[in-house]
Protein backbone atom coordinates (compact mmCIF):
# COMPACT_ATOMS: atom_id res chain seq x y z
CA MET A 1 -19.07 49.98 3.07
CA ASN A 2 -16.45 51.65 5.40
CA LYS A 3 -14.61 54.88 4.93
CA TRP A 4 -12.21 53.29 2.69
CA GLY A 5 -14.77 52.08 0.27
CA VAL A 6 -14.53 48.14 0.97
CA PRO A 7 -17.24 46.24 2.65
CA GLU A 8 -17.57 45.84 6.40
CA VAL A 9 -16.80 42.16 6.74
CA ASP A 10 -17.13 39.96 10.10
CA ARG A 11 -13.68 38.35 10.21
CA ASN A 12 -15.19 35.30 12.00
CA THR A 13 -17.63 34.26 9.26
CA GLN A 14 -16.81 36.61 6.17
CA THR A 15 -20.50 37.94 6.27
CA THR A 16 -21.53 41.39 5.45
CA ASN A 17 -24.67 43.30 6.54
CA VAL A 18 -26.36 41.77 3.50
CA PRO A 19 -27.37 38.16 4.48
CA TRP A 20 -26.57 36.74 1.05
CA VAL A 21 -23.34 38.66 0.36
CA PHE A 22 -20.01 37.22 1.68
CA ALA A 23 -16.56 38.78 0.98
CA GLY A 24 -12.93 38.05 1.74
CA GLY A 25 -9.35 38.60 0.20
CA ASP A 26 -8.60 41.81 -1.55
CA VAL A 27 -12.24 42.96 -1.94
CA ALA A 28 -12.49 43.20 1.87
CA GLY A 29 -9.42 45.08 2.11
CA VAL A 30 -7.47 43.23 4.77
CA ALA A 31 -5.78 40.13 3.34
CA GLU A 32 -2.10 40.88 2.75
CA THR A 33 -1.11 37.57 1.21
CA THR A 34 -2.45 34.93 -0.99
CA VAL A 35 -2.62 32.37 1.91
CA GLU A 36 -4.71 34.62 3.73
CA SER A 37 -7.11 35.24 0.76
CA VAL A 38 -7.57 31.50 0.36
CA ASN A 39 -8.37 31.02 4.10
CA ASP A 40 -10.99 33.89 3.81
CA GLY A 41 -12.45 31.79 0.81
CA LYS A 42 -12.66 28.64 2.79
CA LEU A 43 -14.30 30.41 5.69
CA ALA A 44 -16.64 32.35 3.52
CA ALA A 45 -17.72 28.98 1.76
CA TRP A 46 -18.49 27.56 5.23
CA SER A 47 -20.59 30.68 5.92
CA ILE A 48 -22.35 30.29 2.55
CA HIS A 49 -23.21 26.55 3.31
CA ARG A 50 -24.57 27.44 6.80
CA TYR A 51 -26.70 30.26 5.28
CA ILE A 52 -28.20 27.93 2.43
CA GLN A 53 -29.00 25.18 4.97
CA SER A 54 -30.70 27.54 7.25
CA LEU A 55 -33.11 28.88 4.48
CA TYR A 56 -34.32 25.00 4.41
CA GLY A 57 -34.50 24.92 8.18
CA ASN A 58 -31.28 22.96 8.63
CA ASN A 59 -28.87 23.62 11.61
CA VAL A 60 -25.35 22.43 10.80
CA GLY A 61 -23.77 23.68 13.76
CA THR A 62 -20.96 26.28 14.18
CA THR A 63 -17.88 24.07 13.67
CA PRO A 64 -16.56 24.38 10.14
CA LYS A 65 -17.08 21.18 8.17
CA LEU A 66 -17.95 21.53 4.65
CA PRO A 67 -19.42 18.43 2.84
CA MET A 68 -17.42 16.87 0.17
CA PHE A 69 -18.25 16.98 -3.58
CA TYR A 70 -20.76 14.24 -4.19
CA SER A 71 -21.34 11.98 -7.08
CA PRO A 72 -22.58 8.57 -7.97
CA ILE A 73 -18.94 7.48 -7.18
CA ASP A 74 -19.52 8.11 -3.60
CA GLU A 75 -22.50 5.70 -3.60
CA VAL A 76 -20.32 2.73 -4.61
CA ASP A 77 -20.07 0.20 -1.74
CA ILE A 78 -16.53 -0.94 -0.72
CA SER A 79 -17.57 -3.23 2.08
CA VAL A 80 -16.06 -6.60 2.05
CA GLU A 81 -16.79 -9.87 4.06
CA MET A 82 -13.88 -12.14 5.10
CA CYS A 83 -14.53 -15.26 7.24
CA GLY A 84 -17.97 -14.09 8.35
CA VAL A 85 -16.54 -10.70 9.40
CA THR A 86 -17.72 -7.55 7.64
CA PHE A 87 -15.38 -4.73 6.83
CA GLU A 88 -16.67 -1.39 6.09
CA ASN A 89 -13.82 -1.01 3.84
CA PRO A 90 -10.77 -3.23 3.04
CA PHE A 91 -8.26 -0.63 4.40
CA GLY A 92 -6.77 -1.22 7.77
CA LEU A 93 -3.57 -0.34 9.70
CA ALA A 94 -1.00 -3.20 10.11
CA SER A 95 0.46 -4.30 13.40
CA ALA A 96 3.19 -1.56 13.49
CA PRO A 97 4.11 1.96 14.70
CA PRO A 98 0.79 3.50 13.57
CA THR A 99 -1.00 1.31 16.28
CA THR A 100 1.56 1.65 19.10
CA SER A 101 -1.20 2.68 21.46
CA GLY A 102 -5.01 2.55 22.23
CA PRO A 103 -5.56 6.21 21.47
CA MET A 104 -3.75 5.84 18.11
CA CYS A 105 -6.18 3.07 17.30
CA ARG A 106 -8.97 5.18 18.15
CA ARG A 107 -8.07 8.15 16.13
CA ALA A 108 -7.56 5.76 13.16
CA PHE A 109 -11.28 4.54 13.47
CA GLU A 110 -12.44 8.12 13.74
CA GLN A 111 -10.37 8.91 10.38
CA GLY A 112 -12.14 6.15 8.62
CA TRP A 113 -9.88 3.15 8.48
CA GLY A 114 -12.09 -0.13 8.40
CA PHE A 115 -9.83 -2.11 10.52
CA ILE A 116 -6.81 -1.94 12.95
CA LEU A 117 -4.29 -4.55 13.98
CA THR A 118 -2.99 -3.91 17.46
CA LYS A 119 0.83 -3.59 17.96
CA THR A 120 2.01 -7.30 18.44
CA PHE A 121 1.89 -8.01 22.24
CA GLY A 122 2.67 -10.89 24.32
CA LEU A 123 2.44 -12.05 27.90
CA ASP A 124 4.02 -10.02 30.56
CA LYS A 125 7.03 -12.69 31.07
CA ASP A 126 8.04 -11.87 27.34
CA LEU A 127 7.97 -7.96 27.74
CA VAL A 128 10.76 -6.45 25.78
CA THR A 129 12.53 -3.01 25.97
CA ASN A 130 13.46 -1.39 22.56
CA VAL A 131 16.52 0.09 21.52
CA SER A 132 16.68 3.60 19.90
CA PRO A 133 17.02 4.75 17.10
CA ARG A 134 15.05 1.97 15.63
CA ILE A 135 12.89 3.23 12.58
CA VAL A 136 14.77 4.69 9.66
CA ARG A 137 13.98 5.97 6.28
CA GLY A 138 15.06 3.47 3.53
CA SER A 139 18.00 3.93 1.04
CA THR A 140 16.38 2.27 -2.00
CA SER A 141 15.35 5.99 -3.38
CA GLY A 142 18.73 7.66 -2.86
CA PRO A 143 19.28 10.62 -0.70
CA ILE A 144 15.64 11.69 -0.37
CA TYR A 145 14.53 13.11 2.81
CA GLY A 146 10.88 13.73 3.94
CA PRO A 147 7.58 12.28 2.51
CA ASN A 148 7.41 9.74 -0.37
CA GLN A 149 10.12 7.43 0.79
CA GLY A 150 10.07 4.13 -1.15
CA SER A 151 11.15 2.19 1.84
CA PHE A 152 11.75 2.15 5.50
CA LEU A 153 13.79 -0.07 7.78
CA ASN A 154 12.94 -0.88 11.49
CA ILE A 155 14.39 -3.00 14.15
CA GLU A 156 11.42 -2.40 16.53
CA LEU A 157 10.50 -5.31 18.73
CA ILE A 158 6.78 -5.97 19.67
CA SER A 159 4.95 -3.63 21.96
CA GLU A 160 6.34 -2.93 25.14
CA LYS A 161 2.82 -2.57 26.76
CA SER A 162 1.50 -5.30 28.82
CA ALA A 163 -1.08 -7.81 27.60
CA ALA A 164 -3.62 -6.16 30.35
CA TYR A 165 -3.03 -2.89 28.73
CA TRP A 166 -4.10 -4.16 25.19
CA LEU A 167 -6.83 -6.32 26.45
CA GLN A 168 -8.45 -3.19 27.97
CA CYS A 169 -8.10 -1.20 24.75
CA ILE A 170 -9.72 -3.94 22.80
CA LYS A 171 -12.59 -3.75 25.13
CA GLU A 172 -12.88 -0.27 24.99
CA LEU A 173 -12.52 0.15 21.10
CA LYS A 174 -15.05 -2.49 20.41
CA HIS A 175 -17.63 -0.95 22.87
CA ASP A 176 -17.08 2.64 21.13
CA PHE A 177 -16.57 1.48 17.34
CA PRO A 178 -19.00 -1.51 17.24
CA THR A 179 -18.96 -1.64 13.43
CA LYS A 180 -15.13 -1.59 13.11
CA VAL A 181 -12.92 -4.67 12.91
CA ILE A 182 -10.33 -5.04 15.69
CA VAL A 183 -7.56 -7.77 14.97
CA ALA A 184 -5.39 -8.52 17.87
CA SER A 185 -1.80 -9.26 16.78
CA ILE A 186 -0.16 -11.73 19.47
CA MET A 187 3.19 -13.47 19.78
CA CYS A 188 4.62 -16.12 22.12
CA THR A 189 7.31 -18.60 22.42
CA TYR A 190 6.80 -22.05 21.38
CA ASN A 191 4.82 -23.06 24.30
CA LYS A 192 1.06 -24.42 24.15
CA GLU A 193 -0.09 -22.85 27.31
CA ASP A 194 1.12 -19.52 26.40
CA TRP A 195 -0.67 -19.43 23.09
CA VAL A 196 -3.76 -20.80 24.50
CA LEU A 197 -3.89 -18.39 27.24
CA LEU A 198 -3.29 -15.11 25.13
CA ALA A 199 -5.68 -16.10 22.35
CA LYS A 200 -8.36 -16.90 24.72
CA GLN A 201 -8.00 -13.70 26.57
CA CYS A 202 -8.01 -11.71 23.24
CA GLU A 203 -11.15 -13.38 22.19
CA ASP A 204 -12.87 -12.87 25.65
CA ALA A 205 -11.84 -9.11 25.37
CA GLY A 206 -13.87 -8.80 22.23
CA ALA A 207 -11.29 -9.22 19.36
CA ASP A 208 -12.90 -9.98 16.07
CA ILE A 209 -9.87 -11.87 14.60
CA LEU A 210 -6.48 -12.89 15.82
CA GLU A 211 -3.20 -12.46 13.93
CA LEU A 212 -0.38 -14.93 15.08
CA ASN A 213 2.74 -13.05 14.56
CA LEU A 214 5.18 -15.99 13.43
CA SER A 215 7.38 -13.64 11.18
CA CYS A 216 9.24 -10.94 12.94
CA PRO A 217 12.50 -10.50 11.02
CA HIS A 218 14.60 -9.38 13.98
CA GLY A 219 15.15 -9.52 17.43
CA MET A 220 12.26 -11.82 18.67
CA GLY A 221 13.27 -14.70 16.43
CA GLU A 222 16.74 -14.60 17.98
CA LYS A 223 15.52 -15.24 21.59
CA GLY A 224 17.00 -18.70 22.02
CA ILE A 225 17.37 -19.86 18.55
CA SER A 226 20.72 -20.03 16.59
CA ASP A 227 21.25 -18.19 13.33
CA ASP A 228 23.11 -21.15 11.96
CA PRO A 229 20.75 -23.06 9.46
CA TYR A 230 23.06 -26.15 9.50
CA LEU A 231 22.79 -26.41 13.51
CA HIS A 232 18.81 -25.69 12.97
CA GLU A 233 18.54 -28.58 10.57
CA TYR A 234 20.99 -30.97 12.29
CA THR A 235 18.94 -30.41 15.51
CA ARG A 236 15.75 -31.00 13.80
CA GLN A 237 16.93 -34.43 12.34
CA ILE A 238 18.12 -35.57 15.64
CA ILE A 239 14.87 -34.56 17.21
CA ASN A 240 12.97 -36.63 14.41
CA SER A 241 15.29 -39.68 14.83
CA HIS A 242 13.62 -42.99 15.54
CA TYR A 243 15.80 -43.55 18.41
CA LEU A 244 14.98 -40.16 20.23
CA LYS A 245 11.38 -40.51 19.51
CA ARG A 246 11.40 -43.79 21.31
CA ALA A 247 13.73 -42.46 24.00
CA VAL A 248 11.60 -39.34 24.74
CA SER A 249 7.89 -39.41 25.70
CA SER A 250 7.12 -35.94 24.39
CA LEU A 251 8.43 -34.66 21.05
CA ASP A 252 6.83 -31.21 21.84
CA ALA A 253 9.04 -30.83 24.75
CA ILE A 254 12.02 -31.16 23.04
CA LEU A 255 10.77 -28.79 20.20
CA GLN A 256 9.85 -26.38 22.91
CA ALA A 257 13.39 -26.45 24.35
CA TYR A 258 15.04 -25.63 21.28
CA PHE A 259 12.61 -23.48 19.54
CA LEU A 260 12.45 -21.02 22.42
CA GLY A 261 12.45 -18.11 19.67
CA MET A 262 9.53 -16.11 18.82
CA GLY A 263 8.40 -14.77 15.58
CA LEU A 264 10.51 -15.67 12.57
CA ALA A 265 12.17 -18.75 14.41
CA CYS A 266 8.51 -20.19 14.55
CA GLY A 267 7.37 -18.82 11.28
CA GLN A 268 10.15 -20.57 9.09
CA ASP A 269 9.24 -24.08 10.12
CA PRO A 270 6.09 -25.78 8.69
CA ASP A 271 5.71 -28.25 11.52
CA ILE A 272 5.85 -25.52 14.09
CA VAL A 273 3.27 -23.39 12.23
CA ARG A 274 1.05 -26.33 11.94
CA THR A 275 1.19 -27.13 15.60
CA ILE A 276 0.78 -23.60 16.85
CA CYS A 277 -2.26 -23.29 14.33
CA SER A 278 -3.75 -26.50 15.89
CA TRP A 279 -3.46 -25.14 19.33
CA ILE A 280 -5.40 -22.13 18.31
CA SER A 281 -7.84 -23.69 16.36
CA LYS A 282 -8.93 -25.88 19.50
CA THR A 283 -8.99 -22.78 21.63
CA VAL A 284 -10.98 -20.00 20.04
CA LYS A 285 -13.95 -19.69 17.85
CA ILE A 286 -13.01 -16.30 16.14
CA PRO A 287 -11.02 -16.43 12.77
CA PHE A 288 -7.07 -16.41 13.24
CA PHE A 289 -4.39 -15.55 10.70
CA PRO A 290 -0.76 -16.60 11.12
CA LYS A 291 1.53 -13.90 9.53
CA MET A 292 3.78 -15.28 6.87
CA THR A 293 7.46 -14.44 6.44
CA PRO A 294 8.94 -13.51 3.07
CA ASN A 295 12.26 -14.70 4.31
CA ILE A 296 12.05 -18.31 3.17
CA THR A 297 12.39 -20.27 -0.04
CA ASP A 298 8.65 -21.10 -0.66
CA ILE A 299 5.85 -19.30 1.31
CA ARG A 300 3.42 -21.54 0.06
CA ALA A 301 4.58 -24.41 2.14
CA ILE A 302 4.06 -22.41 5.29
CA ALA A 303 0.63 -21.11 4.35
CA ALA A 304 -0.30 -24.67 3.55
CA ALA A 305 0.92 -25.90 6.89
CA ALA A 306 -1.27 -23.11 8.52
CA LYS A 307 -4.33 -24.22 6.56
CA GLU A 308 -3.75 -27.85 7.68
CA GLY A 309 -3.36 -26.56 11.21
CA GLY A 310 -6.80 -25.07 10.93
CA ALA A 311 -6.05 -21.50 10.24
CA SER A 312 -8.83 -19.31 8.94
CA GLY A 313 -6.34 -17.53 6.44
CA VAL A 314 -2.97 -15.92 6.47
CA THR A 315 -1.35 -12.68 6.44
CA ALA A 316 1.18 -12.17 3.68
CA THR A 317 3.67 -10.74 4.08
CA ASN A 318 5.99 -9.32 6.76
CA THR A 319 8.78 -7.34 6.39
CA VAL A 320 12.03 -8.19 4.31
CA SER A 321 14.99 -8.76 6.34
CA GLY A 322 17.75 -6.56 5.37
CA LEU A 323 20.73 -4.01 5.98
CA MET A 324 19.77 -0.65 4.73
CA HIS A 325 22.37 2.21 5.29
CA MET A 326 26.28 1.61 5.38
CA LYS A 327 28.32 4.70 5.42
CA ALA A 328 32.03 5.28 4.07
CA ASP A 329 33.45 4.65 7.51
CA GLY A 330 32.12 1.40 7.81
CA THR A 331 29.22 2.31 10.30
CA SER A 332 25.35 1.66 9.55
CA TRP A 333 22.21 3.30 10.34
CA PRO A 334 20.34 2.75 12.68
CA ALA A 335 23.59 2.81 14.98
CA ILE A 336 22.95 1.84 18.50
CA GLY A 337 25.03 3.15 21.53
CA LYS A 338 28.70 4.62 21.42
CA GLU A 339 29.77 1.46 19.86
CA LYS A 340 27.33 2.26 16.82
CA ARG A 341 26.36 -1.27 16.49
CA THR A 342 23.50 -2.59 14.15
CA THR A 343 21.47 -5.61 13.20
CA TYR A 344 19.35 -6.83 10.36
CA GLY A 345 16.04 -5.08 10.20
CA GLY A 346 12.68 -5.42 8.51
CA MET A 347 12.45 -3.51 5.36
CA SER A 348 8.80 -2.10 4.49
CA GLY A 349 7.29 0.16 1.88
CA SER A 350 6.67 0.18 -1.80
CA ALA A 351 10.24 -1.30 -2.32
CA ILE A 352 8.85 -4.64 -1.10
CA ARG A 353 5.53 -4.70 -3.00
CA PRO A 354 6.73 -6.97 -5.69
CA ILE A 355 7.68 -9.61 -3.12
CA ALA A 356 4.33 -9.07 -1.10
CA LEU A 357 2.51 -9.34 -4.45
CA LYS A 358 4.24 -12.59 -5.37
CA ALA A 359 3.54 -14.00 -2.13
CA VAL A 360 -0.40 -13.11 -2.12
CA SER A 361 -0.70 -14.39 -5.60
CA ALA A 362 1.25 -17.76 -5.14
CA ILE A 363 -0.73 -18.49 -1.85
CA ALA A 364 -4.14 -17.56 -3.68
CA ASN A 365 -3.17 -19.69 -6.47
CA GLN A 366 -2.40 -22.84 -4.64
CA LEU A 367 -5.00 -22.43 -1.87
CA ARG A 368 -7.95 -21.40 -3.77
CA GLY A 369 -10.46 -19.53 -1.70
CA PHE A 370 -8.21 -19.21 1.44
CA PRO A 371 -8.50 -15.77 2.81
CA ILE A 372 -5.50 -13.43 2.76
CA MET A 373 -4.69 -10.15 4.54
CA ALA A 374 -2.33 -8.38 2.18
CA THR A 375 0.32 -6.15 3.45
CA GLY A 376 3.69 -4.73 1.98
CA GLY A 377 3.73 -1.69 -0.08
CA ILE A 378 0.10 -0.59 -0.36
CA GLU A 379 0.17 3.03 -0.78
CA SER A 380 -2.78 4.00 -2.88
CA ALA A 381 -6.10 2.83 -4.15
CA GLU A 382 -4.35 1.37 -7.43
CA THR A 383 -1.71 -0.67 -5.33
CA GLY A 384 -4.55 -1.88 -3.14
CA LEU A 385 -6.72 -3.00 -6.01
CA ALA A 386 -3.56 -4.94 -7.49
CA PHE A 387 -3.38 -7.07 -4.20
CA LEU A 388 -7.30 -7.57 -4.30
CA ASN A 389 -6.70 -8.69 -7.86
CA ALA A 390 -4.09 -10.75 -6.71
CA GLY A 391 -6.13 -12.65 -4.31
CA ALA A 392 -6.19 -10.66 -1.00
CA SER A 393 -9.47 -9.91 0.65
CA VAL A 394 -8.35 -7.00 2.97
CA LEU A 395 -5.42 -4.66 2.97
CA GLN A 396 -2.96 -3.52 5.75
CA VAL A 397 -1.08 -0.38 5.55
CA CYS A 398 1.89 1.03 7.54
CA SER A 399 4.62 2.77 5.66
CA ALA A 400 2.22 4.87 3.70
CA VAL A 401 1.10 6.21 7.04
CA GLN A 402 4.62 6.68 8.12
CA ASN A 403 5.10 8.82 4.99
CA GLN A 404 2.13 10.98 5.60
CA ASP A 405 -0.63 10.50 8.47
CA PHE A 406 -3.84 8.69 9.03
CA THR A 407 -5.77 10.84 6.65
CA VAL A 408 -4.50 8.77 3.42
CA VAL A 409 -7.25 6.56 4.05
CA GLU A 410 -9.82 9.05 2.61
CA ASP A 411 -7.80 9.01 -0.57
CA TYR A 412 -7.62 5.09 -0.58
CA CYS A 413 -11.57 4.91 -0.14
CA THR A 414 -12.50 7.35 -2.73
CA GLY A 415 -9.89 6.10 -5.28
CA LEU A 416 -11.35 2.52 -4.71
CA ARG A 417 -14.92 3.62 -5.19
CA ALA A 418 -13.76 5.29 -8.45
CA LEU A 419 -11.83 2.27 -9.73
CA LEU A 420 -14.86 0.02 -9.24
CA TYR A 421 -17.26 2.44 -10.84
CA LEU A 422 -14.87 3.17 -13.94
CA LYS A 423 -14.99 -0.69 -14.46
CA ALA A 424 -18.67 -0.62 -15.02
CA ALA A 425 -18.49 2.39 -17.75
CA LYS A 426 -17.82 0.69 -20.93
CA SER A 427 -17.06 3.89 -22.64
CA LEU A 428 -13.89 4.13 -20.59
CA LYS A 429 -12.55 0.83 -21.30
CA ASP A 430 -9.39 2.32 -22.67
CA TRP A 431 -8.48 3.88 -19.37
CA ASP A 432 -5.83 2.54 -17.08
CA GLY A 433 -7.76 2.77 -13.89
CA GLN A 434 -8.24 6.47 -13.22
CA SER A 435 -5.70 7.49 -15.94
CA PRO A 436 -7.09 8.46 -19.42
CA PRO A 437 -5.44 7.39 -22.66
CA VAL A 438 -2.28 9.10 -23.54
CA GLU A 439 -2.82 11.36 -26.63
CA LYS A 440 -0.03 12.21 -28.91
CA HIS A 441 1.98 15.11 -27.59
CA GLN A 442 5.32 16.74 -27.50
CA LYS A 443 6.62 17.48 -23.94
CA GLY A 444 2.94 17.61 -22.77
CA LYS A 445 1.92 20.06 -25.53
CA PRO A 446 -0.65 19.05 -28.37
CA LEU A 447 0.83 18.37 -31.87
CA LEU A 448 -0.27 20.62 -34.49
CA LEU A 449 1.04 18.64 -37.46
CA LYS A 450 1.70 14.77 -37.33
CA ASP A 451 3.95 12.51 -39.41
CA THR A 452 6.42 15.26 -40.75
CA GLY A 453 9.49 13.13 -40.20
CA LEU A 454 11.22 16.12 -38.47
CA PRO A 455 12.96 16.07 -35.21
CA HIS A 456 12.01 18.64 -32.36
CA PHE A 457 15.29 20.39 -31.78
CA GLY A 458 17.56 22.75 -33.46
CA ASN A 459 16.98 23.90 -36.80
CA TYR A 460 14.47 21.24 -37.31
CA ARG A 461 12.05 22.76 -34.80
CA GLY A 462 12.31 26.01 -36.82
CA GLN A 463 11.34 23.98 -39.98
CA ARG A 464 8.36 22.43 -38.02
CA THR A 465 7.24 25.88 -36.92
CA LYS A 466 7.23 27.18 -40.36
CA LEU A 467 5.08 24.18 -41.59
CA GLU A 468 2.62 24.98 -38.96
CA LYS A 469 2.43 28.49 -39.92
CA ASP A 470 2.04 27.73 -43.62
CA ALA A 471 -0.83 25.16 -42.62
CA MET A 472 -2.71 27.74 -40.55
CA ALA A 473 -2.44 30.43 -43.28
CA LYS A 474 -4.03 28.07 -45.82
CA SER A 475 -6.84 26.63 -43.63
CA GLY A 476 -7.12 28.65 -40.53
CA PRO A 477 -6.34 27.28 -37.04
CA VAL A 478 -5.37 23.64 -37.23
CA PRO A 479 -7.94 21.66 -35.43
CA VAL A 480 -6.51 19.47 -32.58
CA GLU A 481 -8.35 16.49 -31.97
CA SER A 482 -8.92 15.15 -28.55
CA VAL A 483 -10.79 12.24 -26.65
CA PHE A 484 -11.87 15.06 -24.40
CA ALA A 485 -13.57 17.10 -27.08
CA THR A 486 -16.82 15.45 -26.19
CA ARG A 487 -18.23 14.29 -22.89
CA PRO A 488 -17.98 10.46 -22.63
CA ASP A 489 -21.06 8.27 -22.25
CA MET A 490 -21.27 7.61 -18.54
CA THR A 491 -23.80 5.00 -18.63
CA VAL A 492 -22.67 2.42 -16.24
CA SER A 493 -23.62 -1.44 -15.87
CA GLU A 494 -23.52 -2.92 -12.61
CA VAL A 495 -20.77 -1.66 -10.45
CA PRO A 496 -18.50 -4.64 -9.25
CA THR A 497 -18.00 -5.08 -5.39
CA VAL A 498 -14.69 -5.53 -3.66
CA GLN A 499 -15.81 -9.17 -3.55
CA ASP A 500 -16.05 -9.62 -7.42
CA VAL A 501 -12.49 -8.35 -7.96
CA ILE A 502 -10.74 -10.68 -5.38
CA GLY A 503 -8.50 -12.92 -7.26
CA THR A 504 -9.31 -11.91 -10.91
CA ALA A 505 -5.66 -11.74 -11.95
CA LEU A 506 -4.86 -15.30 -10.77
CA PRO A 507 -5.91 -17.07 -13.77
CA ARG A 508 -3.16 -15.08 -15.78
CA ILE A 509 -0.52 -15.74 -13.12
CA GLY A 510 1.57 -18.80 -13.30
CA PRO A 511 4.91 -20.71 -14.00
CA TYR A 512 6.99 -19.61 -16.89
CA VAL A 513 6.20 -22.72 -18.94
CA THR A 514 2.44 -21.58 -19.43
CA LEU A 515 3.85 -18.54 -21.32
CA ASP A 516 3.60 -18.59 -25.15
CA ASN A 517 6.92 -17.89 -26.80
CA GLN A 518 5.34 -17.81 -30.30
CA GLN A 519 3.59 -14.57 -29.70
CA GLN A 520 6.44 -12.33 -30.21
CA LYS A 521 6.67 -8.25 -30.21
CA VAL A 522 8.98 -5.65 -31.47
CA ALA A 523 9.41 -2.19 -30.44
CA LEU A 524 7.87 0.79 -32.38
CA ILE A 525 8.94 4.58 -32.08
CA ASP A 526 6.51 7.25 -32.73
CA ASP A 527 8.53 10.15 -34.20
CA ASP A 528 5.96 12.64 -33.30
CA MET A 529 6.42 11.94 -29.65
CA CYS A 530 10.11 11.31 -29.49
CA ILE A 531 12.33 13.94 -27.88
CA ASN A 532 15.35 12.72 -29.62
CA CYS A 533 17.27 11.92 -26.40
CA GLY A 534 18.87 8.81 -27.41
CA LYS A 535 18.27 7.12 -24.18
CA CYS A 536 16.40 3.99 -25.93
CA TYR A 537 19.63 3.63 -28.29
CA MET A 538 21.92 3.76 -25.28
CA THR A 539 19.96 1.15 -23.37
CA CYS A 540 19.48 -1.27 -26.34
CA ASN A 541 23.29 -0.84 -27.36
CA ASP A 542 24.82 -1.58 -24.00
CA SER A 543 22.22 -3.62 -22.17
CA GLY A 544 19.92 -5.13 -24.94
CA TYR A 545 20.45 -6.56 -28.54
CA GLN A 546 21.78 -3.61 -30.65
CA ALA A 547 18.58 -3.12 -32.62
CA ILE A 548 18.33 0.43 -32.39
CA SER A 549 20.15 2.68 -34.73
CA PHE A 550 20.43 6.62 -34.00
CA SER A 551 21.17 9.26 -36.66
CA ARG A 552 24.21 11.40 -35.93
CA ASP A 553 22.34 14.27 -37.74
CA THR A 554 18.67 14.07 -36.97
CA HIS A 555 18.95 12.28 -33.64
CA GLN A 556 16.07 9.96 -34.60
CA PRO A 557 16.31 6.40 -33.68
CA LYS A 558 15.15 3.70 -35.77
CA VAL A 559 14.31 -0.05 -34.96
CA ASN A 560 15.73 -2.94 -37.06
CA GLU A 561 12.80 -5.29 -36.59
CA ASP A 562 15.11 -8.17 -37.52
CA ASP A 563 17.33 -7.63 -34.42
CA CYS A 564 14.67 -6.54 -32.07
CA THR A 565 13.63 -9.23 -29.57
CA GLY A 566 10.89 -7.39 -28.11
CA CYS A 567 12.61 -7.30 -24.51
CA THR A 568 11.02 -3.93 -23.70
CA LEU A 569 14.01 -2.52 -21.99
CA CYS A 570 13.81 0.70 -24.16
CA TYR A 571 10.23 1.21 -23.05
CA ARG A 572 11.00 2.63 -19.35
């Protein structure tokens, strides 16, 4: 102890002169804030770990790195195989800003991502120069800034780096991370020689898989192709006319002359997709996946054409074309140059998840067993599992990283392990993923008395309090039953693998005519949990079927079962 009566502490380790005593925070007499005390605790925890390990002859080094909490959940295998390629986990980075460079891809692997897609690149003759600004927050969640954006919009083109740069990156990354999966994302004009050359170069560099970007929703698709759909169709009819086919020796030459566009321009036409895939299938032995655009009437037709062309699978789906911000003065954001011009960009993030889920499930239902790399709004283990259930094999992520950073993959992997483990625990069948059943409560607090028929506001609240006091005076403290009062039986059966859950939702997804309109539901209101706000009455009255009445005095809603159609609008 020092002269002030507090322990002498090594500030670098939080150790004292007694080997098994560690101190920090107020007890050490030096911390002035809660933050400092917490930091002392973390440092002391590392020193305690080192000390305990040294007792057993283990040297854990000097760089602080505490082991994570360990449980049987950590033993769950979340590896998955697709097209003969094994992925350590199904989470990877999409071809997007998070994989702009080789060093970024390297850091992603070091952080734990199972695979990465390079930023889409092309041949040097197709190099691009991006505009700025070009990546903006979405407007779908209102005026919210910072993390947790519901969407983003970008007008970024493909990589500005050369093919030589990316081919060298692929070689180096594959050498240093042999168990990781590298997907080379490439794009060319409608030119057989270009596609064949670039695909072969990527295979030779060591890429495990190719992704053919046929669906960039802005910029690349406009290089030489008109936006007018009538001109597009008119030209196609001319090209396919009997007279022109007889007069011109090479139909491909005509198509190449017209479809000079890249990306979306190619990805919207089944014939073009089928042809490009046939070129690649005859060129490389590694799997390849054309990337599907959602900006089309029926994505299944494009996926089917890709399969007919020899594709190993497809990626679904790319960003959704849109115009995000429009200010009161008529200018948009992003605004380019002093003229403040803009263009339609690609919307990403959780806002497009319903579109991507539909695309994945629709393709998986029509082309059973056809591998799918899913992308579009994957932001958690739960949303990732939803795509696996819908038929995807692996999961590409972008916007979630833009909201946070590469470390989100740790939560995704732990969460997916937990979700698979919980499926094997029969005692937890009532849980919704990692969420336990919701017990009766009133604004988060347990209910001492139930079925009183009294609202929870004003004078009625006082009446409820008196009833609770009277009940406790007669029989002592009122017991509050809880599903957590006893530890659940955690006996588990065989834990499912990622492969086991792929496509499990598909038998329940189909056309409207498969739904049974004889099994009807009506709304029920639990007076014990009702907060008497009247929102259910308001939405049913002005947007539903006027099936809910609302008491002027008690503010208690009541459902008229004869009028209720079970639309569920009140349940939100």
